[in-house]
Amino acid sequence: MRKAKVATTWLDGCSGCHMSLLDLDAALIPVARKIEMVYGPLVDAQQFPDDVDVTFIEGAVSTHEDVEKVHLIRQNSKVLVSLGDCAVTGNVAAMRNTVPVKKLLQTVYIELADKGCALHRLLVEIAAEGERIAHQLRRLPVRE
């Protein structure tokens, strides 16, 4: 049986979701027997490969380079999975895309500081650009 070609990447974020997956420790051994890691922060591949079965994307799309990277990954992946809240919603990193910095700082650190209000999460704009996201994994860390 052919091993599934799997890739991971992170965009704008802390890489905590990748670390959470690695924290599964021994539970990863049976998975490792069934996959071939072809791209990711732990793989020495310089360019995203063709014909990837599943790609996990962590982090927010917050730059033009991120948009280009996601398009390339989508073209070369059968299944795209957004991994973690930053990839699913854009989270804090993507807020800079829709709000001028001065207004954002004024709102967060002055207007809302004493009210205890949480900032709303913004949707990642990948879906609006026609990209297919097969699955969304939120609320990491993953538990066995």
N, C-alpha and C. Protein backbone atom coordinates (compact mmCIF):
# COMPACT_ATOMS: atom_id res chain seq x y z
N MET A 1 0.84 -1.19 0.00
CA MET A 1 0.00 0.00 0.00
C MET A 1 0.89 1.25 0.00
N ARG A 2 0.55 2.21 -0.84
CA ARG A 2 1.30 3.45 -0.94
C ARG A 2 1.09 4.32 0.29
N LYS A 3 2.18 4.89 0.78
CA LYS A 3 2.07 5.81 1.91
C LYS A 3 1.49 7.14 1.42
N ALA A 4 0.68 7.76 2.26
CA ALA A 4 0.12 9.07 1.93
C ALA A 4 1.22 10.13 2.02
N LYS A 5 1.28 11.00 1.01
CA LYS A 5 2.22 12.12 1.04
C LYS A 5 1.59 13.25 1.85
N VAL A 6 2.27 13.64 2.92
CA VAL A 6 1.74 14.64 3.84
C VAL A 6 2.71 15.81 3.93
N ALA A 7 2.15 17.01 3.94
CA ALA A 7 2.95 18.23 4.10
C ALA A 7 2.34 19.08 5.21
N THR A 8 3.20 19.86 5.86
CA THR A 8 2.71 20.85 6.82
C THR A 8 3.45 22.15 6.55
N THR A 9 2.82 23.24 6.89
CA THR A 9 3.48 24.54 6.80
C THR A 9 2.85 25.46 7.82
N TRP A 10 3.58 26.49 8.18
CA TRP A 10 2.95 27.51 9.02
C TRP A 10 3.17 28.86 8.40
N LEU A 11 2.15 29.67 8.57
CA LEU A 11 2.17 31.02 8.04
C LEU A 11 2.44 31.97 9.21
N ASP A 12 1.59 32.95 9.42
CA ASP A 12 1.81 33.92 10.49
C ASP A 12 1.20 33.39 11.78
N GLY A 13 2.03 33.04 12.72
CA GLY A 13 1.57 32.51 13.99
C GLY A 13 2.75 32.05 14.83
N CYS A 14 2.46 31.30 15.85
CA CYS A 14 3.50 30.94 16.82
C CYS A 14 4.06 29.54 16.63
N SER A 15 3.50 28.76 15.72
CA SER A 15 3.86 27.36 15.47
C SER A 15 3.46 26.44 16.62
N GLY A 16 2.63 26.92 17.50
CA GLY A 16 2.20 26.11 18.65
C GLY A 16 1.40 24.88 18.26
N CYS A 17 0.66 24.94 17.16
CA CYS A 17 -0.13 23.79 16.74
C CYS A 17 0.77 22.66 16.25
N HIS A 18 1.85 23.01 15.56
CA HIS A 18 2.83 21.99 15.18
C HIS A 18 3.42 21.34 16.44
N MET A 19 3.73 22.15 17.43
CA MET A 19 4.30 21.62 18.67
C MET A 19 3.29 20.72 19.38
N SER A 20 2.02 21.10 19.34
CA SER A 20 0.98 20.28 19.96
C SER A 20 0.88 18.92 19.29
N LEU A 21 1.02 18.88 17.97
CA LEU A 21 1.00 17.59 17.28
C LEU A 21 2.20 16.75 17.70
N LEU A 22 3.36 17.37 17.78
CA LEU A 22 4.56 16.63 18.19
C LEU A 22 4.43 16.13 19.63
N ASP A 23 3.68 16.83 20.44
CA ASP A 23 3.47 16.42 21.83
C ASP A 23 2.65 15.13 21.95
N LEU A 24 2.10 14.64 20.86
CA LEU A 24 1.37 13.37 20.90
C LEU A 24 2.32 12.19 21.10
N ASP A 25 3.62 12.45 20.95
CA ASP A 25 4.67 11.47 21.22
C ASP A 25 4.43 10.12 20.57
N ALA A 26 4.30 9.08 21.39
CA ALA A 26 4.20 7.70 20.90
C ALA A 26 2.97 7.46 20.03
N ALA A 27 1.94 8.28 20.18
CA ALA A 27 0.73 8.11 19.36
C ALA A 27 1.03 8.41 17.88
N LEU A 28 2.13 9.09 17.61
CA LEU A 28 2.50 9.41 16.24
C LEU A 28 3.14 8.23 15.50
N ILE A 29 3.63 7.24 16.23
CA ILE A 29 4.35 6.12 15.60
C ILE A 29 3.49 5.36 14.60
N PRO A 30 2.27 4.97 14.93
CA PRO A 30 1.46 4.27 13.92
C PRO A 30 1.14 5.15 12.71
N VAL A 31 0.98 6.45 12.93
CA VAL A 31 0.72 7.38 11.83
C VAL A 31 1.96 7.47 10.94
N ALA A 32 3.12 7.56 11.56
CA ALA A 32 4.38 7.70 10.81
C ALA A 32 4.62 6.52 9.88
N ARG A 33 4.12 5.38 10.23
CA ARG A 33 4.28 4.19 9.39
C ARG A 33 3.44 4.26 8.12
N LYS A 34 2.42 5.12 8.11
CA LYS A 34 1.48 5.18 6.99
C LYS A 34 1.63 6.42 6.12
N ILE A 35 2.54 7.32 6.50
CA ILE A 35 2.70 8.56 5.74
C ILE A 35 4.15 8.79 5.35
N GLU A 36 4.31 9.63 4.34
CA GLU A 36 5.63 10.13 3.96
C GLU A 36 5.57 11.65 4.09
N MET A 37 6.35 12.19 5.02
CA MET A 37 6.40 13.65 5.18
C MET A 37 7.24 14.22 4.05
N VAL A 38 6.61 15.01 3.18
CA VAL A 38 7.30 15.52 2.01
C VAL A 38 7.65 17.00 2.10
N TYR A 39 7.07 17.70 3.08
CA TYR A 39 7.34 19.13 3.23
C TYR A 39 6.92 19.55 4.62
N GLY A 40 7.68 20.46 5.21
CA GLY A 40 7.33 21.00 6.51
C GLY A 40 8.56 21.51 7.22
N PRO A 41 8.36 22.10 8.40
CA PRO A 41 9.48 22.68 9.14
C PRO A 41 10.50 21.64 9.61
N LEU A 42 10.12 20.38 9.66
CA LEU A 42 11.04 19.33 10.08
C LEU A 42 11.59 18.53 8.92
N VAL A 43 11.30 18.97 7.70
CA VAL A 43 11.73 18.27 6.48
C VAL A 43 12.63 19.22 5.69
N ASP A 44 13.70 18.68 5.12
CA ASP A 44 14.65 19.51 4.39
C ASP A 44 14.26 19.65 2.92
N ALA A 45 13.06 20.16 2.67
CA ALA A 45 12.58 20.41 1.31
C ALA A 45 12.52 21.92 1.12
N GLN A 46 13.10 22.40 0.05
CA GLN A 46 13.15 23.85 -0.19
C GLN A 46 11.95 24.37 -0.95
N GLN A 47 11.32 23.51 -1.76
CA GLN A 47 10.16 23.92 -2.54
C GLN A 47 9.00 22.98 -2.25
N PHE A 48 7.79 23.54 -2.32
CA PHE A 48 6.62 22.71 -2.08
C PHE A 48 6.47 21.69 -3.21
N PRO A 49 6.33 20.41 -2.89
CA PRO A 49 6.29 19.36 -3.92
C PRO A 49 4.95 19.27 -4.64
N ASP A 50 4.96 18.57 -5.76
CA ASP A 50 3.74 18.28 -6.51
C ASP A 50 3.04 17.08 -5.90
N ASP A 51 1.74 16.96 -6.15
CA ASP A 51 0.98 15.76 -5.85
C ASP A 51 1.02 15.32 -4.38
N VAL A 52 0.75 16.27 -3.49
CA VAL A 52 0.67 15.98 -2.06
C VAL A 52 -0.75 15.53 -1.74
N ASP A 53 -0.87 14.48 -0.93
CA ASP A 53 -2.21 13.98 -0.58
C ASP A 53 -2.92 14.90 0.42
N VAL A 54 -2.24 15.24 1.51
CA VAL A 54 -2.85 16.07 2.55
C VAL A 54 -1.83 17.11 3.01
N THR A 55 -2.28 18.38 3.08
CA THR A 55 -1.43 19.44 3.62
C THR A 55 -2.15 20.10 4.78
N PHE A 56 -1.43 20.24 5.90
CA PHE A 56 -1.92 20.94 7.08
C PHE A 56 -1.28 22.32 7.08
N ILE A 57 -2.12 23.38 7.11
CA ILE A 57 -1.61 24.74 7.16
C ILE A 57 -1.95 25.34 8.52
N GLU A 58 -0.90 25.79 9.19
CA GLU A 58 -1.06 26.45 10.48
C GLU A 58 -0.75 27.93 10.29
N GLY A 59 -1.42 28.77 11.04
CA GLY A 59 -1.11 30.20 11.01
C GLY A 59 -2.06 30.98 10.12
N ALA A 60 -2.05 32.28 10.33
CA ALA A 60 -2.96 33.18 9.61
C ALA A 60 -2.37 33.60 8.27
N VAL A 61 -3.25 33.83 7.33
CA VAL A 61 -2.86 34.44 6.06
C VAL A 61 -2.85 35.94 6.31
N SER A 62 -1.64 36.52 6.37
CA SER A 62 -1.58 37.94 6.72
C SER A 62 -0.66 38.76 5.83
N THR A 63 -0.11 38.15 4.79
CA THR A 63 0.71 38.89 3.83
C THR A 63 0.39 38.41 2.41
N HIS A 64 0.82 39.17 1.43
CA HIS A 64 0.64 38.76 0.04
C HIS A 64 1.43 37.47 -0.23
N GLU A 65 2.58 37.32 0.41
CA GLU A 65 3.37 36.10 0.24
C GLU A 65 2.62 34.88 0.77
N ASP A 66 1.89 35.07 1.88
CA ASP A 66 1.09 33.98 2.44
C ASP A 66 0.00 33.56 1.45
N VAL A 67 -0.64 34.54 0.83
CA VAL A 67 -1.70 34.25 -0.14
C VAL A 67 -1.12 33.44 -1.30
N GLU A 68 0.02 33.87 -1.82
CA GLU A 68 0.67 33.15 -2.92
C GLU A 68 1.05 31.73 -2.51
N LYS A 69 1.55 31.59 -1.29
CA LYS A 69 1.95 30.26 -0.79
C LYS A 69 0.74 29.34 -0.68
N VAL A 70 -0.37 29.87 -0.16
CA VAL A 70 -1.58 29.05 -0.02
C VAL A 70 -2.11 28.63 -1.39
N HIS A 71 -2.06 29.51 -2.36
CA HIS A 71 -2.49 29.15 -3.72
C HIS A 71 -1.62 28.03 -4.29
N LEU A 72 -0.32 28.13 -4.11
CA LEU A 72 0.60 27.09 -4.57
C LEU A 72 0.32 25.76 -3.87
N ILE A 73 0.12 25.82 -2.57
CA ILE A 73 -0.16 24.61 -1.80
C ILE A 73 -1.48 23.99 -2.25
N ARG A 74 -2.50 24.83 -2.45
CA ARG A 74 -3.80 24.33 -2.89
C ARG A 74 -3.69 23.64 -4.26
N GLN A 75 -2.92 24.20 -5.17
CA GLN A 75 -2.76 23.62 -6.50
C GLN A 75 -2.08 22.25 -6.45
N ASN A 76 -1.26 22.03 -5.44
CA ASN A 76 -0.46 20.81 -5.37
C ASN A 76 -0.90 19.85 -4.29
N SER A 77 -2.06 20.08 -3.68
CA SER A 77 -2.56 19.23 -2.61
C SER A 77 -3.96 18.73 -2.92
N LYS A 78 -4.19 17.45 -2.66
CA LYS A 78 -5.53 16.90 -2.86
C LYS A 78 -6.47 17.37 -1.76
N VAL A 79 -5.97 17.42 -0.52
CA VAL A 79 -6.77 17.83 0.63
C VAL A 79 -6.00 18.88 1.41
N LEU A 80 -6.68 19.98 1.73
CA LEU A 80 -6.09 21.06 2.51
C LEU A 80 -6.82 21.12 3.85
N VAL A 81 -6.04 21.11 4.94
CA VAL A 81 -6.62 21.16 6.28
C VAL A 81 -6.07 22.38 7.00
N SER A 82 -6.96 23.24 7.47
CA SER A 82 -6.51 24.38 8.28
C SER A 82 -6.34 23.87 9.72
N LEU A 83 -5.16 24.11 10.27
CA LEU A 83 -4.78 23.53 11.56
C LEU A 83 -4.70 24.62 12.62
N GLY A 84 -5.64 24.63 13.53
CA GLY A 84 -5.64 25.59 14.63
C GLY A 84 -6.44 26.84 14.35
N ASP A 85 -6.69 27.60 15.40
CA ASP A 85 -7.53 28.79 15.31
C ASP A 85 -6.96 29.86 14.38
N CYS A 86 -5.66 30.02 14.35
CA CYS A 86 -5.09 31.05 13.46
C CYS A 86 -5.36 30.72 12.00
N ALA A 87 -5.26 29.46 11.63
CA ALA A 87 -5.53 29.07 10.25
C ALA A 87 -7.02 29.11 9.94
N VAL A 88 -7.84 28.83 10.93
CA VAL A 88 -9.29 28.80 10.72
C VAL A 88 -9.88 30.20 10.70
N THR A 89 -9.47 31.05 11.63
CA THR A 89 -10.11 32.36 11.78
C THR A 89 -9.21 33.54 11.47
N GLY A 90 -7.93 33.32 11.37
CA GLY A 90 -7.00 34.43 11.20
C GLY A 90 -6.47 34.91 12.54
N ASN A 91 -7.31 34.80 13.57
CA ASN A 91 -6.94 35.16 14.94
C ASN A 91 -6.28 36.53 14.98
N VAL A 92 -5.47 36.79 15.95
CA VAL A 92 -4.89 38.11 16.18
C VAL A 92 -4.01 38.55 15.02
N ALA A 93 -3.24 37.62 14.46
CA ALA A 93 -2.28 37.99 13.40
C ALA A 93 -2.96 38.61 12.18
N ALA A 94 -4.15 38.18 11.86
CA ALA A 94 -4.84 38.68 10.67
C ALA A 94 -5.57 39.99 10.90
N MET A 95 -5.68 40.42 12.13
CA MET A 95 -6.42 41.65 12.41
C MET A 95 -5.79 42.85 11.74
N ARG A 96 -4.51 42.81 11.54
CA ARG A 96 -3.85 43.97 10.94
C ARG A 96 -4.25 44.17 9.49
N ASN A 97 -4.88 43.16 8.90
CA ASN A 97 -5.24 43.26 7.49
C ASN A 97 -6.46 44.14 7.23
N THR A 98 -7.33 44.30 8.19
CA THR A 98 -8.57 45.01 7.94
C THR A 98 -8.73 46.28 8.77
N VAL A 99 -7.85 46.50 9.73
CA VAL A 99 -7.98 47.66 10.60
C VAL A 99 -6.67 48.44 10.55
N PRO A 100 -6.74 49.74 10.30
CA PRO A 100 -5.51 50.54 10.34
C PRO A 100 -4.84 50.40 11.71
N VAL A 101 -3.52 50.32 11.71
CA VAL A 101 -2.77 50.06 12.94
C VAL A 101 -3.11 51.06 14.04
N LYS A 102 -3.17 52.34 13.72
CA LYS A 102 -3.46 53.36 14.74
C LYS A 102 -4.83 53.11 15.38
N LYS A 103 -5.82 52.80 14.55
CA LYS A 103 -7.17 52.53 15.06
C LYS A 103 -7.18 51.26 15.92
N LEU A 104 -6.46 50.24 15.49
CA LEU A 104 -6.39 48.98 16.24
C LEU A 104 -5.78 49.22 17.62
N LEU A 105 -4.66 49.91 17.67
CA LEU A 105 -4.01 50.20 18.95
C LEU A 105 -4.90 51.05 19.85
N GLN A 106 -5.56 52.05 19.28
CA GLN A 106 -6.48 52.91 20.05
C GLN A 106 -7.61 52.07 20.65
N THR A 107 -8.20 51.20 19.84
CA THR A 107 -9.33 50.40 20.29
C THR A 107 -8.92 49.40 21.38
N VAL A 108 -7.86 48.66 21.12
CA VAL A 108 -7.46 47.59 22.03
C VAL A 108 -6.89 48.12 23.33
N TYR A 109 -5.95 49.06 23.24
CA TYR A 109 -5.22 49.45 24.43
C TYR A 109 -5.80 50.65 25.17
N ILE A 110 -6.74 51.35 24.55
CA ILE A 110 -7.33 52.50 25.24
C ILE A 110 -8.82 52.30 25.45
N GLU A 111 -9.59 52.15 24.36
CA GLU A 111 -11.04 52.08 24.47
C GLU A 111 -11.53 50.82 25.18
N LEU A 112 -10.92 49.67 24.90
CA LEU A 112 -11.41 48.42 25.48
C LEU A 112 -10.65 47.96 26.71
N ALA A 113 -9.57 48.62 27.02
CA ALA A 113 -8.69 48.17 28.09
C ALA A 113 -9.41 48.00 29.43
N ASP A 114 -10.30 48.93 29.76
CA ASP A 114 -10.95 48.84 31.06
C ASP A 114 -12.31 48.15 31.00
N LYS A 115 -12.73 47.68 29.84
CA LYS A 115 -14.03 47.04 29.70
C LYS A 115 -13.93 45.52 29.69
N GLY A 116 -12.74 44.98 29.55
CA GLY A 116 -12.56 43.53 29.52
C GLY A 116 -13.12 42.87 28.27
N CYS A 117 -13.30 43.63 27.20
CA CYS A 117 -13.86 43.08 25.97
C CYS A 117 -12.80 42.30 25.20
N ALA A 118 -13.18 41.18 24.68
CA ALA A 118 -12.27 40.41 23.82
C ALA A 118 -12.48 40.85 22.38
N LEU A 119 -11.43 40.87 21.62
CA LEU A 119 -11.56 41.21 20.20
C LEU A 119 -12.22 40.06 19.47
N HIS A 120 -13.04 40.38 18.50
CA HIS A 120 -13.69 39.34 17.71
C HIS A 120 -12.67 38.73 16.75
N ARG A 121 -12.89 37.47 16.40
CA ARG A 121 -12.00 36.78 15.47
C ARG A 121 -12.43 37.08 14.04
N LEU A 122 -11.47 37.31 13.19
CA LEU A 122 -11.74 37.58 11.79
C LEU A 122 -11.56 36.32 10.97
N LEU A 123 -12.41 36.14 9.98
CA LEU A 123 -12.28 34.97 9.11
C LEU A 123 -11.12 35.12 8.17
N VAL A 124 -10.40 34.04 7.95
CA VAL A 124 -9.32 34.04 6.97
C VAL A 124 -9.96 34.20 5.60
N GLU A 125 -9.34 34.97 4.73
CA GLU A 125 -9.94 35.30 3.46
C GLU A 125 -9.69 34.26 2.37
N ILE A 126 -9.09 33.15 2.71
CA ILE A 126 -8.82 32.12 1.71
C ILE A 126 -10.12 31.64 1.07
N ALA A 127 -11.12 31.35 1.87
CA ALA A 127 -12.37 30.82 1.34
C ALA A 127 -13.02 31.81 0.37
N ALA A 128 -12.91 33.09 0.67
CA ALA A 128 -13.49 34.11 -0.20
C ALA A 128 -12.79 34.17 -1.55
N GLU A 129 -11.57 33.68 -1.59
CA GLU A 129 -10.82 33.68 -2.84
C GLU A 129 -10.98 32.37 -3.59
N GLY A 130 -11.90 31.54 -3.16
CA GLY A 130 -12.20 30.33 -3.90
C GLY A 130 -11.37 29.12 -3.54
N GLU A 131 -10.59 29.20 -2.47
CA GLU A 131 -9.78 28.05 -2.08
C GLU A 131 -10.65 27.05 -1.32
N ARG A 132 -10.43 25.78 -1.58
CA ARG A 132 -11.18 24.73 -0.92
C ARG A 132 -10.43 24.29 0.34
N ILE A 133 -11.10 24.38 1.47
CA ILE A 133 -10.53 23.89 2.72
C ILE A 133 -11.38 22.71 3.14
N ALA A 134 -10.76 21.55 3.19
CA ALA A 134 -11.50 20.31 3.44
C ALA A 134 -11.92 20.18 4.90
N HIS A 135 -11.05 20.54 5.80
CA HIS A 135 -11.32 20.35 7.23
C HIS A 135 -10.73 21.49 8.02
N GLN A 136 -11.29 21.72 9.21
CA GLN A 136 -10.77 22.71 10.13
C GLN A 136 -10.57 22.04 11.48
N LEU A 137 -9.36 22.11 12.00
CA LEU A 137 -9.06 21.56 13.32
C LEU A 137 -8.83 22.72 14.26
N ARG A 138 -9.73 22.91 15.19
CA ARG A 138 -9.62 24.02 16.15
C ARG A 138 -9.29 23.47 17.52
N ARG A 139 -9.13 24.39 18.42
CA ARG A 139 -8.97 24.09 19.84
C ARG A 139 -7.82 23.12 20.12
N LEU A 140 -6.67 23.48 19.62
CA LEU A 140 -5.49 22.69 19.92
C LEU A 140 -5.02 23.10 21.30
N PRO A 141 -4.32 22.33 22.06
CA PRO A 141 -3.61 21.13 21.65
C PRO A 141 -4.52 19.93 21.47
N VAL A 142 -4.08 19.06 20.59
CA VAL A 142 -4.78 17.81 20.32
C VAL A 142 -4.53 16.87 21.49
N ARG A 143 -5.52 16.12 21.84
CA ARG A 143 -5.38 15.10 22.88
C ARG A 143 -5.53 13.73 22.26
N GLU A 144 -4.85 12.74 22.84
CA GLU A 144 -4.97 11.37 22.30
C GLU A 144 -6.38 10.86 22.46
